[in-house]
PDB file of N, CA and C in Angstrom:
ATOM      1  N   MET A   1      79.056  32.901  95.326  1.00  0.00           N
ATOM      2  CA  MET A   1      78.964  33.979  94.389  1.00  0.00           C
ATOM      3  C   MET A   1      80.361  34.251  93.828  1.00  0.00           C
ATOM      4  N   VAL A   2      80.416  34.481  92.550  1.00  0.00           N
ATOM      5  CA  VAL A   2      81.669  34.803  91.877  1.00  0.00           C
ATOM      6  C   VAL A   2      81.571  36.225  91.359  1.00  0.00           C
ATOM      7  N   ILE A   3      82.564  37.018  91.685  1.00  0.00           N
ATOM      8  CA  ILE A   3      82.613  38.389  91.198  1.00  0.00           C
ATOM      9  C   ILE A   3      83.749  38.477  90.194  1.00  0.00           C
ATOM     10  N   LYS A   4      83.422  38.914  88.998  1.00  0.00           N
ATOM     11  CA  LYS A   4      84.433  39.042  87.953  1.00  0.00           C
ATOM     12  C   LYS A   4      84.737  40.512  87.736  1.00  0.00           C
ATOM     13  N   PHE A   5      85.995  40.816  87.578  1.00  0.00           N
ATOM     14  CA  PHE A   5      86.373  42.186  87.266  1.00  0.00           C
ATOM     15  C   PHE A   5      87.633  42.146  86.426  1.00  0.00           C
ATOM     16  N   LYS A   6      87.819  43.202  85.672  1.00  0.00           N
ATOM     17  CA  LYS A   6      88.999  43.345  84.840  1.00  0.00           C
ATOM     18  C   LYS A   6      90.052  44.086  85.656  1.00  0.00           C
ATOM     19  N   PRO A   7      91.113  43.391  86.082  1.00  0.00           N
ATOM     20  CA  PRO A   7      92.120  44.064  86.910  1.00  0.00           C
ATOM     21  C   PRO A   7      92.900  45.116  86.129  1.00  0.00           C
ATOM     22  N   THR A   8      93.072  46.247  86.745  1.00  0.00           N
ATOM     23  CA  THR A   8      93.926  47.301  86.198  1.00  0.00           C
ATOM     24  C   THR A   8      95.038  47.528  87.210  1.00  0.00           C
ATOM     25  N   ALA A   9      95.978  48.348  86.853  1.00  0.00           N
ATOM     26  CA  ALA A   9      97.087  48.624  87.769  1.00  0.00           C
ATOM     27  C   ALA A   9      96.579  49.208  89.083  1.00  0.00           C
ATOM     28  N   SER A  10      95.631  50.138  89.004  1.00  0.00           N
ATOM     29  CA  SER A  10      95.136  50.754  90.240  1.00  0.00           C
ATOM     30  C   SER A  10      94.294  49.780  91.046  1.00  0.00           C
ATOM     31  N   THR A  11      93.539  48.899  90.366  1.00  0.00           N
ATOM     32  CA  THR A  11      92.740  47.900  91.084  1.00  0.00           C
ATOM     33  C   THR A  11      93.663  46.951  91.838  1.00  0.00           C
ATOM     34  N   LEU A  12      94.726  46.544  91.201  1.00  0.00           N
ATOM     35  CA  LEU A  12      95.681  45.649  91.865  1.00  0.00           C
ATOM     36  C   LEU A  12      96.369  46.350  93.026  1.00  0.00           C
ATOM     37  N   THR A  13      96.665  47.627  92.866  1.00  0.00           N
ATOM     38  CA  THR A  13      97.269  48.399  93.955  1.00  0.00           C
ATOM     39  C   THR A  13      96.322  48.471  95.141  1.00  0.00           C
ATOM     40  N   ILE A  14      95.043  48.764  94.867  1.00  0.00           N
ATOM     41  CA  ILE A  14      94.047  48.827  95.935  1.00  0.00           C
ATOM     42  C   ILE A  14      93.900  47.460  96.598  1.00  0.00           C
ATOM     43  N   LEU A  15      93.880  46.403  95.808  1.00  0.00           N
ATOM     44  CA  LEU A  15      93.767  45.054  96.351  1.00  0.00           C
ATOM     45  C   LEU A  15      94.948  44.730  97.258  1.00  0.00           C
ATOM     46  N   LEU A  16      96.144  45.097  96.846  1.00  0.00           N
ATOM     47  CA  LEU A  16      97.326  44.862  97.682  1.00  0.00           C
ATOM     48  C   LEU A  16      97.255  45.676  98.964  1.00  0.00           C
ATOM     49  N   MET A  17      96.762  46.915  98.870  1.00  0.00           N
ATOM     50  CA  MET A  17      96.611  47.740 100.070  1.00  0.00           C
ATOM     51  C   MET A  17      95.602  47.109 101.022  1.00  0.00           C
ATOM     52  N   LEU A  18      94.490  46.611 100.474  1.00  0.00           N
ATOM     53  CA  LEU A  18      93.473  45.962 101.312  1.00  0.00           C
ATOM     54  C   LEU A  18      94.017  44.699 101.965  1.00  0.00           C
ATOM     55  N   LEU A  19      94.778  43.915 101.209  1.00  0.00           N
ATOM     56  CA  LEU A  19      95.371  42.700 101.788  1.00  0.00           C
ATOM     57  C   LEU A  19      96.339  43.054 102.913  1.00  0.00           C
ATOM     58  N   SER A  20      97.108  44.101 102.738  1.00  0.00           N
ATOM     59  CA  SER A  20      98.011  44.547 103.799  1.00  0.00           C
ATOM     60  C   SER A  20      97.215  44.993 105.006  1.00  0.00           C
ATOM     61  N   PHE A  21      96.122  45.702 104.734  1.00  0.00           N
ATOM     62  CA  PHE A  21      95.289  46.197 105.827  1.00  0.00           C
ATOM     63  C   PHE A  21      94.632  45.026 106.558  1.00  0.00           C
ATOM     64  N   VAL A  22      94.130  44.042 105.815  1.00  0.00           N
ATOM     65  CA  VAL A  22      93.482  42.888 106.441  1.00  0.00           C
ATOM     66  C   VAL A  22      94.460  42.139 107.318  1.00  0.00           C
ATOM     67  N   SER A  23      95.703  42.005 106.911  1.00  0.00           N
ATOM     68  CA  SER A  23      96.669  41.307 107.767  1.00  0.00           C
ATOM     69  C   SER A  23      96.903  42.100 109.047  1.00  0.00           C
ATOM     70  N   ALA A  24      96.837  43.424 108.962  1.00  0.00           N
ATOM     71  CA  ALA A  24      96.955  44.238 110.176  1.00  0.00           C
ATOM     72  C   ALA A  24      95.703  44.124 111.032  1.00  0.00           C
ATOM     73  N   VAL A  25      94.543  43.965 110.370  1.00  0.00           N
ATOM     74  CA  VAL A  25      93.279  43.859 111.094  1.00  0.00           C
ATOM     75  C   VAL A  25      93.218  42.578 111.910  1.00  0.00           C
ATOM     76  N   ASP A  26      93.889  41.514 111.457  1.00  0.00           N
ATOM     77  CA  ASP A  26      93.882  40.264 112.204  1.00  0.00           C
ATOM     78  C   ASP A  26      94.295  40.475 113.646  1.00  0.00           C
ATOM     79  N   ALA A  27      95.149  41.433 113.869  1.00  0.00           N
ATOM     80  CA  ALA A  27      95.601  41.723 115.229  1.00  0.00           C
ATOM     81  C   ALA A  27      94.552  42.522 116.003  1.00  0.00           C
ATOM     82  N   GLN A  28      93.499  42.989 115.321  1.00  0.00           N
ATOM     83  CA  GLN A  28      92.406  43.754 115.911  1.00  0.00           C
ATOM     84  C   GLN A  28      92.838  45.124 116.432  1.00  0.00           C
ATOM     85  N   ASP A  29      94.055  45.500 116.223  1.00  0.00           N
ATOM     86  CA  ASP A  29      94.518  46.784 116.726  1.00  0.00           C
ATOM     87  C   ASP A  29      95.557  47.336 115.773  1.00  0.00           C
ATOM     88  N   ILE A  30      95.388  48.561 115.415  1.00  0.00           N
ATOM     89  CA  ILE A  30      96.368  49.220 114.562  1.00  0.00           C
ATOM     90  C   ILE A  30      96.927  50.366 115.381  1.00  0.00           C
ATOM     91  N   SER A  31      98.119  50.189 115.890  1.00  0.00           N
ATOM     92  CA  SER A  31      98.659  51.167 116.825  1.00  0.00           C
ATOM     93  C   SER A  31      99.310  52.362 116.127  1.00  0.00           C
ATOM     94  N   GLU A  32      99.580  52.255 114.854  1.00  0.00           N
ATOM     95  CA  GLU A  32     100.208  53.360 114.135  1.00  0.00           C
ATOM     96  C   GLU A  32      99.184  54.467 113.904  1.00  0.00           C
ATOM     97  N   GLU A  33      99.592  55.694 114.157  1.00  0.00           N
ATOM     98  CA  GLU A  33      98.690  56.824 113.944  1.00  0.00           C
ATOM     99  C   GLU A  33      98.451  57.039 112.455  1.00  0.00           C
ATOM    100  N   ILE A  34      97.210  57.401 112.142  1.00  0.00           N
ATOM    101  CA  ILE A  34      96.857  57.760 110.779  1.00  0.00           C
ATOM    102  C   ILE A  34      96.178  59.128 110.819  1.00  0.00           C
ATOM    103  N   THR A  35      96.154  59.794 109.676  1.00  0.00           N
ATOM    104  CA  THR A  35      95.443  61.057 109.536  1.00  0.00           C
ATOM    105  C   THR A  35      94.411  60.886 108.433  1.00  0.00           C
ATOM    106  N   ILE A  36      93.176  61.264 108.738  1.00  0.00           N
ATOM    107  CA  ILE A  36      92.097  61.155 107.763  1.00  0.00           C
ATOM    108  C   ILE A  36      91.439  62.518 107.591  1.00  0.00           C
ATOM    109  N   ILE A  37      90.805  62.699 106.447  1.00  0.00           N
ATOM    110  CA  ILE A  37      90.023  63.906 106.189  1.00  0.00           C
ATOM    111  C   ILE A  37      88.636  63.447 105.772  1.00  0.00           C
ATOM    112  N   GLY A  38      87.636  63.963 106.450  1.00  0.00           N
ATOM    113  CA  GLY A  38      86.271  63.578 106.125  1.00  0.00           C
ATOM    114  C   GLY A  38      85.263  64.451 106.837  1.00  0.00           C
ATOM    115  N   GLN A  39      84.000  64.162 106.573  1.00  0.00           N
ATOM    116  CA  GLN A  39      82.916  64.936 107.163  1.00  0.00           C
ATOM    117  C   GLN A  39      82.391  64.222 108.398  1.00  0.00           C
ATOM    118  N   VAL A  40      82.143  64.979 109.458  1.00  0.00           N
ATOM    119  CA  VAL A  40      81.580  64.437 110.694  1.00  0.00           C
ATOM    120  C   VAL A  40      80.072  64.293 110.495  1.00  0.00           C
ATOM    121  N   LEU A  41      79.581  63.065 110.706  1.00  0.00           N
ATOM    122  CA  LEU A  41      78.159  62.785 110.532  1.00  0.00           C
ATOM    123  C   LEU A  41      77.566  62.190 111.801  1.00  0.00           C
ATOM    124  N   GLU A  42      76.272  62.419 111.997  1.00  0.00           N
ATOM    125  CA  GLU A  42      75.552  61.814 113.119  1.00  0.00           C
ATOM    126  C   GLU A  42      75.555  60.304 112.938  1.00  0.00           C
ATOM    127  N   ALA A  43      75.712  59.563 114.057  1.00  0.00           N
ATOM    128  CA  ALA A  43      75.718  58.110 113.958  1.00  0.00           C
ATOM    129  C   ALA A  43      74.662  57.466 114.842  1.00  0.00           C
ATOM    130  N   GLU A  44      74.613  57.834 116.101  1.00  0.00           N
ATOM    131  CA  GLU A  44      73.659  57.216 117.023  1.00  0.00           C
ATOM    132  C   GLU A  44      73.083  58.253 117.975  1.00  0.00           C
ATOM    133  N   TYR A  45      71.838  57.973 118.375  1.00  0.00           N
ATOM    134  CA  TYR A  45      71.153  58.824 119.345  1.00  0.00           C
ATOM    135  C   TYR A  45      70.783  57.985 120.555  1.00  0.00           C
ATOM    136  N   GLY A  46      70.793  58.628 121.724  1.00  0.00           N
ATOM    137  CA  GLY A  46      70.418  57.973 122.962  1.00  0.00           C
ATOM    138  C   GLY A  46      69.064  58.454 123.436  1.00  0.00           C
ATOM    139  N   GLU A  47      68.881  58.412 124.742  1.00  0.00           N
ATOM    140  CA  GLU A  47      67.634  58.863 125.348  1.00  0.00           C
ATOM    141  C   GLU A  47      67.414  60.333 125.047  1.00  0.00           C
ATOM    142  N   ASN A  48      66.129  60.709 124.970  1.00  0.00           N
ATOM    143  CA  ASN A  48      65.741  62.102 124.706  1.00  0.00           C
ATOM    144  C   ASN A  48      66.298  62.617 123.384  1.00  0.00           C
ATOM    145  N   ASP A  49      66.556  61.704 122.463  1.00  0.00           N
ATOM    146  CA  ASP A  49      67.075  62.073 121.140  1.00  0.00           C
ATOM    147  C   ASP A  49      68.370  62.876 121.191  1.00  0.00           C
ATOM    148  N   SER A  50      69.211  62.613 122.184  1.00  0.00           N
ATOM    149  CA  SER A  50      70.500  63.311 122.262  1.00  0.00           C
ATOM    150  C   SER A  50      71.544  62.523 121.466  1.00  0.00           C
ATOM    151  N   LEU A  51      72.347  63.247 120.735  1.00  0.00           N
ATOM    152  CA  LEU A  51      73.394  62.643 119.915  1.00  0.00           C
ATOM    153  C   LEU A  51      74.438  61.991 120.822  1.00  0.00           C
ATOM    154  N   THR A  52      74.726  60.704 120.591  1.00  0.00           N
ATOM    155  CA  THR A  52      75.689  59.991 121.438  1.00  0.00           C
ATOM    156  C   THR A  52      76.953  59.583 120.701  1.00  0.00           C
ATOM    157  N   SER A  53      76.901  59.500 119.373  1.00  0.00           N
ATOM    158  CA  SER A  53      78.126  59.154 118.648  1.00  0.00           C
ATOM    159  C   SER A  53      78.097  59.705 117.226  1.00  0.00           C
ATOM    160  N   VAL A  54      79.305  59.905 116.712  1.00  0.00           N
ATOM    161  CA  VAL A  54      79.483  60.401 115.347  1.00  0.00           C
ATOM    162  C   VAL A  54      80.494  59.523 114.621  1.00  0.00           C
ATOM    163  N   VAL A  55      80.468  59.642 113.306  1.00  0.00           N
ATOM    164  CA  VAL A  55      81.467  58.996 112.464  1.00  0.00           C
ATOM    165  C   VAL A  55      82.146  60.074 111.642  1.00  0.00           C
ATOM    166  N   ILE A  56      83.367  59.780 111.233  1.00  0.00           N
ATOM    167  CA  ILE A  56      84.029  60.616 110.235  1.00  0.00           C
ATOM    168  C   ILE A  56      83.914  59.845 108.931  1.00  0.00           C
ATOM    169  N   ASN A  57      83.183  60.418 107.991  1.00  0.00           N
ATOM    170  CA  ASN A  57      82.870  59.790 106.719  1.00  0.00           C
ATOM    171  C   ASN A  57      83.963  60.168 105.720  1.00  0.00           C
ATOM    172  N   VAL A  58      84.741  59.181 105.309  1.00  0.00           N
ATOM    173  CA  VAL A  58      85.875  59.419 104.415  1.00  0.00           C
ATOM    174  C   VAL A  58      85.561  58.821 103.045  1.00  0.00           C
ATOM    175  N   ILE A  59      85.680  59.628 102.009  1.00  0.00           N
ATOM    176  CA  ILE A  59      85.477  59.148 100.643  1.00  0.00           C
ATOM    177  C   ILE A  59      86.842  58.873 100.039  1.00  0.00           C
ATOM    178  N   ILE A  60      87.028  57.636  99.579  1.00  0.00           N
ATOM    179  CA  ILE A  60      88.301  57.230  98.985  1.00  0.00           C
ATOM    180  C   ILE A  60      88.120  57.209  97.475  1.00  0.00           C
ATOM    181  N   THR A  61      88.881  58.040  96.804  1.00  0.00           N
ATOM    182  CA  THR A  61      88.804  58.145  95.352  1.00  0.00           C
ATOM    183  C   THR A  61      90.024  57.470  94.739  1.00  0.00           C
ATOM    184  N   PRO A  62      89.807  56.388  94.002  1.00  0.00           N
ATOM    185  CA  PRO A  62      90.942  55.714  93.352  1.00  0.00           C
ATOM    186  C   PRO A  62      91.556  56.586  92.261  1.00  0.00           C
ATOM    187  N   GLN A  63      92.814  56.351  91.984  1.00  0.00           N
ATOM    188  CA  GLN A  63      93.496  57.109  90.932  1.00  0.00           C
ATOM    189  C   GLN A  63      92.965  56.728  89.555  1.00  0.00           C
ATOM    190  N   ASP A  64      92.503  55.494  89.426  1.00  0.00           N
ATOM    191  CA  ASP A  64      91.946  55.018  88.157  1.00  0.00           C
ATOM    192  C   ASP A  64      90.541  55.598  88.011  1.00  0.00           C
ATOM    193  N   SER A  65      90.337  56.424  86.995  1.00  0.00           N
ATOM    194  CA  SER A  65      89.052  57.102  86.839  1.00  0.00           C
ATOM    195  C   SER A  65      87.910  56.128  86.566  1.00  0.00           C
ATOM    196  N   ALA A  66      88.217  54.914  86.133  1.00  0.00           N
ATOM    197  CA  ALA A  66      87.175  53.922  85.862  1.00  0.00           C
ATOM    198  C   ALA A  66      86.702  53.233  87.153  1.00  0.00           C
ATOM    199  N   ALA A  67      87.514  53.304  88.191  1.00  0.00           N
ATOM    200  CA  ALA A  67      87.151  52.652  89.450  1.00  0.00           C
ATOM    201  C   ALA A  67      86.177  53.526  90.229  1.00  0.00           C
ATOM    202  N   GLU A  68      85.353  52.868  91.047  1.00  0.00           N
ATOM    203  CA  GLU A  68      84.362  53.601  91.824  1.00  0.00           C
ATOM    204  C   GLU A  68      84.948  54.090  93.148  1.00  0.00           C
ATOM    205  N   GLU A  69      84.385  55.199  93.621  1.00  0.00           N
ATOM    206  CA  GLU A  69      84.743  55.697  94.944  1.00  0.00           C
ATOM    207  C   GLU A  69      84.206  54.740  96.000  1.00  0.00           C
ATOM    208  N   SER A  70      84.875  54.705  97.132  1.00  0.00           N
ATOM    209  CA  SER A  70      84.348  53.926  98.249  1.00  0.00           C
ATOM    210  C   SER A  70      84.285  54.833  99.470  1.00  0.00           C
ATOM    211  N   ILE A  71      83.426  54.464 100.404  1.00  0.00           N
ATOM    212  CA  ILE A  71      83.218  55.269 101.602  1.00  0.00           C
ATOM    213  C   ILE A  71      83.575  54.427 102.816  1.00  0.00           C
ATOM    214  N   VAL A  72      84.345  55.027 103.718  1.00  0.00           N
ATOM    215  CA  VAL A  72      84.705  54.367 104.972  1.00  0.00           C
ATOM    216  C   VAL A  72      84.243  55.263 106.108  1.00  0.00           C
ATOM    217  N   ASN A  73      83.528  54.677 107.058  1.00  0.00           N
ATOM    218  CA  ASN A  73      83.097  55.415 108.243  1.00  0.00           C
ATOM    219  C   ASN A  73      83.979  55.031 109.419  1.00  0.00           C
ATOM    220  N   TYR A  74      84.619  56.019 110.013  1.00  0.00           N
ATOM    221  CA  TYR A  74      85.431  55.824 111.207  1.00  0.00           C
ATOM    222  C   TYR A  74      84.591  56.270 112.403  1.00  0.00           C
ATOM    223  N   TRP A  75      84.214  55.322 113.271  1.00  0.00           N
ATOM    224  CA  TRP A  75      83.420  55.622 114.456  1.00  0.00           C
ATOM    225  C   TRP A  75      84.304  56.302 115.485  1.00  0.00           C
ATOM    226  N   VAL A  76      83.949  57.521 115.859  1.00  0.00           N
ATOM    227  CA  VAL A  76      84.747  58.286 116.815  1.00  0.00           C
ATOM    228  C   VAL A  76      84.471  57.755 118.220  1.00  0.00           C
ATOM    229  N   VAL A  77      85.535  57.329 118.904  1.00  0.00           N
ATOM    230  CA  VAL A  77      85.418  56.796 120.263  1.00  0.00           C
ATOM    231  C   VAL A  77      85.085  57.938 121.217  1.00  0.00           C
ATOM    232  N   ARG A  78      84.147  57.694 122.128  1.00  0.00           N
ATOM    233  CA  ARG A  78      83.697  58.728 123.081  1.00  0.00           C
ATOM    234  C   ARG A  78      84.679  58.858 124.238  1.00  0.00           C
ATOM    235  N   ASP A  79      85.751  59.543 123.984  1.00  0.00           N
ATOM    236  CA  ASP A  79      86.686  59.891 125.055  1.00  0.00           C
ATOM    237  C   ASP A  79      86.684  61.412 125.143  1.00  0.00           C
ATOM    238  N   GLU A  80      87.642  61.991 125.796  1.00  0.00           N
ATOM    239  CA  GLU A  80      87.659  63.447 125.979  1.00  0.00           C
ATOM    240  C   GLU A  80      87.602  64.203 124.651  1.00  0.00           C
ATOM    241  N   VAL A  81      88.393  63.766 123.687  1.00  0.00           N
ATOM    242  CA  VAL A  81      88.404  64.444 122.380  1.00  0.00           C
ATOM    243  C   VAL A  81      87.166  64.056 121.569  1.00  0.00           C
ATOM    244  N   GLY A  82      86.792  62.791 121.626  1.00  0.00           N
ATOM    245  CA  GLY A  82      85.634  62.319 120.873  1.00  0.00           C
ATOM    246  C   GLY A  82      84.353  63.036 121.234  1.00  0.00           C
ATOM    247  N   ILE A  83      84.163  63.339 122.503  1.00  0.00           N
ATOM    248  CA  ILE A  83      82.962  64.057 122.946  1.00  0.00           C
ATOM    249  C   ILE A  83      82.925  65.462 122.338  1.00  0.00           C
ATOM    250  N   GLN A  84      84.087  66.083 122.191  1.00  0.00           N
ATOM    251  CA  GLN A  84      84.148  67.416 121.568  1.00  0.00           C
ATOM    252  C   GLN A  84      83.635  67.364 120.127  1.00  0.00           C
ATOM    253  N   MET A  85      83.856  66.238 119.472  1.00  0.00           N
ATOM    254  CA  MET A  85      83.494  66.122 118.051  1.00  0.00           C
ATOM    255  C   MET A  85      81.988  66.010 117.838  1.00  0.00           C
ATOM    256  N   LEU A  86      81.223  65.744 118.902  1.00  0.00           N
ATOM    257  CA  LEU A  86      79.765  65.707 118.774  1.00  0.00           C
ATOM    258  C   LEU A  86      79.223  67.053 118.306  1.00  0.00           C
ATOM    259  N   LYS A  87      79.951  68.110 118.574  1.00  0.00           N
ATOM    260  CA  LYS A  87      79.523  69.463 118.199  1.00  0.00           C
ATOM    261  C   LYS A  87      79.915  69.833 116.768  1.00  0.00           C
ATOM    262  N   LEU A  88      80.584  68.930 116.077  1.00  0.00           N
ATOM    263  CA  LEU A  88      81.113  69.259 114.752  1.00  0.00           C
ATOM    264  C   LEU A  88      80.344  68.615 113.606  1.00  0.00           C
ATOM    265  N   VAL A  89      79.130  68.135 113.861  1.00  0.00           N
ATOM    266  CA  VAL A  89      78.351  67.482 112.809  1.00  0.00           C
ATOM    267  C   VAL A  89      78.206  68.433 111.623  1.00  0.00           C
ATOM    268  N   GLY A  90      78.500  67.905 110.450  1.00  0.00           N
ATOM    269  CA  GLY A  90      78.428  68.685 109.216  1.00  0.00           C
ATOM    270  C   GLY A  90      79.738  69.330 108.815  1.00  0.00           C
ATOM    271  N   GLU A  91      80.688  69.391 109.729  1.00  0.00           N
ATOM    272  CA  GLU A  91      81.994  70.000 109.429  1.00  0.00           C
ATOM    273  C   GLU A  91      82.925  68.979 108.781  1.00  0.00           C
ATOM    274  N   THR A  92      83.835  69.473 107.961  1.00  0.00           N
ATOM    275  CA  THR A  92      84.905  68.641 107.421  1.00  0.00           C
ATOM    276  C   THR A  92      86.107  68.819 108.331  1.00  0.00           C
ATOM    277  N   VAL A  93      86.707  67.690 108.733  1.00  0.00           N
ATOM    278  CA  VAL A  93      87.835  67.746 109.663  1.00  0.00           C
ATOM    279  C   VAL A  93      89.012  66.935 109.139  1.00  0.00           C
ATOM    280  N   GLU A  94      90.175  67.333 109.612  1.00  0.00           N
ATOM    281  CA  GLU A  94      91.382  66.525 109.452  1.00  0.00           C
ATOM    282  C   GLU A  94      91.671  65.997 110.853  1.00  0.00           C
ATOM    283  N   ALA A  95      91.671  64.666 111.014  1.00  0.00           N
ATOM    284  CA  ALA A  95      91.826  64.071 112.338  1.00  0.00           C
ATOM    285  C   ALA A  95      92.962  63.060 112.320  1.00  0.00           C
ATOM    286  N   THR A  96      93.720  63.053 113.403  1.00  0.00           N
ATOM    287  CA  THR A  96      94.826  62.113 113.569  1.00  0.00           C
ATOM    288  C   THR A  96      94.547  61.266 114.800  1.00  0.00           C
ATOM    289  N   GLY A  97      94.804  59.968 114.672  1.00  0.00           N
ATOM    290  CA  GLY A  97      94.584  59.060 115.796  1.00  0.00           C
ATOM    291  C   GLY A  97      94.904  57.633 115.418  1.00  0.00           C
ATOM    292  N   THR A  98      94.410  56.717 116.227  1.00  0.00           N
ATOM    293  CA  THR A  98      94.635  55.291 115.978  1.00  0.00           C
ATOM    294  C   THR A  98      93.298  54.600 115.777  1.00  0.00           C
ATOM    295  N   VAL A  99      93.345  53.444 115.125  1.00  0.00           N
ATOM    296  CA  VAL A  99      92.139  52.691 114.775  1.00  0.00           C
ATOM    297  C   VAL A  99      92.176  51.332 115.441  1.00  0.00           C
ATOM    298  N   GLU A 100      91.005  50.911 115.898  1.00  0.00           N
ATOM    299  CA  GLU A 100      90.832  49.565 116.437  1.00  0.00           C
ATOM    300  C   GLU A 100      89.617  48.968 115.737  1.00  0.00           C
ATOM    301  N   ILE A 101      89.701  47.728 115.328  1.00  0.00           N
ATOM    302  CA  ILE A 101      88.601  47.059 114.647  1.00  0.00           C
ATOM    303  C   ILE A 101      87.818  46.255 115.679  1.00  0.00           C
ATOM    304  N   ASP A 102      86.490  46.488 115.746  1.00  0.00           N
ATOM    305  CA  ASP A 102      85.703  45.720 116.711  1.00  0.00           C
ATOM    306  C   ASP A 102      85.219  44.413 116.086  1.00  0.00           C
ATOM    307  N   GLU A 103      84.495  43.625 116.873  1.00  0.00           N
ATOM    308  CA  GLU A 103      84.063  42.301 116.414  1.00  0.00           C
ATOM    309  C   GLU A 103      83.077  42.380 115.250  1.00  0.00           C
ATOM    310  N   ASP A 104      82.435  43.531 115.042  1.00  0.00           N
ATOM    311  CA  ASP A 104      81.517  43.712 113.921  1.00  0.00           C
ATOM    312  C   ASP A 104      82.208  44.267 112.681  1.00  0.00           C
ATOM    313  N   GLY A 105      83.508  44.518 112.781  1.00  0.00           N
ATOM    314  CA  GLY A 105      84.261  45.047 111.652  1.00  0.00           C
ATOM    315  C   GLY A 105      84.236  46.560 111.542  1.00  0.00           C
ATOM    316  N   ASN A 106      83.715  47.242 112.569  1.00  0.00           N
ATOM    317  CA  ASN A 106      83.701  48.703 112.564  1.00  0.00           C
ATOM    318  C   ASN A 106      85.087  49.247 112.878  1.00  0.00           C
ATOM    319  N   PHE A 107      85.409  50.380 112.253  1.00  0.00           N
ATOM    320  CA  PHE A 107      86.669  51.070 112.510  1.00  0.00           C
ATOM    321  C   PHE A 107      86.439  52.069 113.639  1.00  0.00           C
ATOM    322  N   ASN A 108      86.885  51.761 114.840  1.00  0.00           N
ATOM    323  CA  ASN A 108      86.770  52.666 115.981  1.00  0.00           C
ATOM    324  C   ASN A 108      88.007  53.550 116.012  1.00  0.00           C
ATOM    325  N   PHE A 109      87.781  54.854 115.915  1.00  0.00           N
ATOM    326  CA  PHE A 109      88.863  55.817 115.743  1.00  0.00           C
ATOM    327  C   PHE A 109      89.077  56.587 117.042  1.00  0.00           C
ATOM    328  N   TYR A 110      90.257  56.448 117.612  1.00  0.00           N
ATOM    329  CA  TYR A 110      90.659  57.188 118.812  1.00  0.00           C
ATOM    330  C   TYR A 110      91.347  58.466 118.354  1.00  0.00           C
ATOM    331  N   VAL A 111      90.608  59.558 118.366  1.00  0.00           N
ATOM    332  CA  VAL A 111      91.118  60.830 117.856  1.00  0.00           C
ATOM    333  C   VAL A 111      92.066  61.443 118.875  1.00  0.00           C
ATOM    334  N   LYS A 112      93.282  61.713 118.451  1.00  0.00           N
ATOM    335  CA  LYS A 112      94.261  62.383 119.312  1.00  0.00           C
ATOM    336  C   LYS A 112      94.188  63.900 119.125  1.00  0.00           C
ATOM    337  N   LYS A 113      94.016  64.309 117.852  1.00  0.00           N
ATOM    338  CA  LYS A 113      93.901  65.741 117.555  1.00  0.00           C
ATOM    339  C   LYS A 113      93.114  65.890 116.249  1.00  0.00           C
ATOM    340  N   TYR A 114      92.533  67.061 116.103  1.00  0.00           N
ATOM    341  CA  TYR A 114      91.778  67.334 114.894  1.00  0.00           C
ATOM    342  C   TYR A 114      91.775  68.841 114.632  1.00  0.00           C
ATOM    343  N   ARG A 115      91.428  69.179 113.406  1.00  0.00           N
ATOM    344  CA  ARG A 115      91.221  70.589 113.073  1.00  0.00           C
ATOM    345  C   ARG A 115      90.096  70.642 112.052  1.00  0.00           C
ATOM    346  N   VAL A 116      89.279  71.659 112.186  1.00  0.00           N
ATOM    347  CA  VAL A 116      88.183  71.874 111.242  1.00  0.00           C
ATOM    348  C   VAL A 116      88.773  72.506 109.990  1.00  0.00           C
ATOM    349  N   ILE A 117      88.396  71.979 108.842  1.00  0.00           N
ATOM    350  CA  ILE A 117      88.852  72.535 107.570  1.00  0.00           C
ATOM    351  C   ILE A 117      87.802  73.542 107.131  1.00  0.00           C
ATOM    352  N   LYS A 118      88.227  74.774 107.011  1.00  0.00           N
ATOM    353  CA  LYS A 118      87.317  75.872 106.645  1.00  0.00           C
ATOM    354  C   LYS A 118      86.875  75.734 105.196  1.00  0.00           C
ATOM    355  N   LYS A 119      85.608  76.003 104.981  1.00  0.00           N
ATOM    356  CA  LYS A 119      85.063  75.977 103.618  1.00  0.00           C
ATOM    357  C   LYS A 119      85.475  77.249 102.903  1.00  0.00           C
ATOM    358  N   GLU A 120      85.791  77.115 101.638  1.00  0.00           N
ATOM    359  CA  GLU A 120      86.219  78.291 100.861  1.00  0.00           C
ATOM    360  C   GLU A 120      85.057  79.005 100.255  1.00  0.00           C
TER     361      GLU A 120
END
């Protein structure tokens, strides 16, 4: 399959950012802390329909108004902080942590700290 697109400055910038990110992904571990802002969404349920995992849904808006938004889901790792986030479904949060890429290409997010962003 061939995908054709008209490159713009912002498209090339995004492409360069993705290439940089992919080279970091080759190592399967990104140890540098990042901060993301997104909405906590339900991801998986276990026995008795109990919520077992959540994602932080981040919408990336390119600076070029002609480019489309993209969505990235960061799977919150179930550790001490991650379990706390199960109670935040529907909330918008600012979260800081590290990312690890699993064999399926999922972004597993180890949340170090977070804060709920109050709705105005």
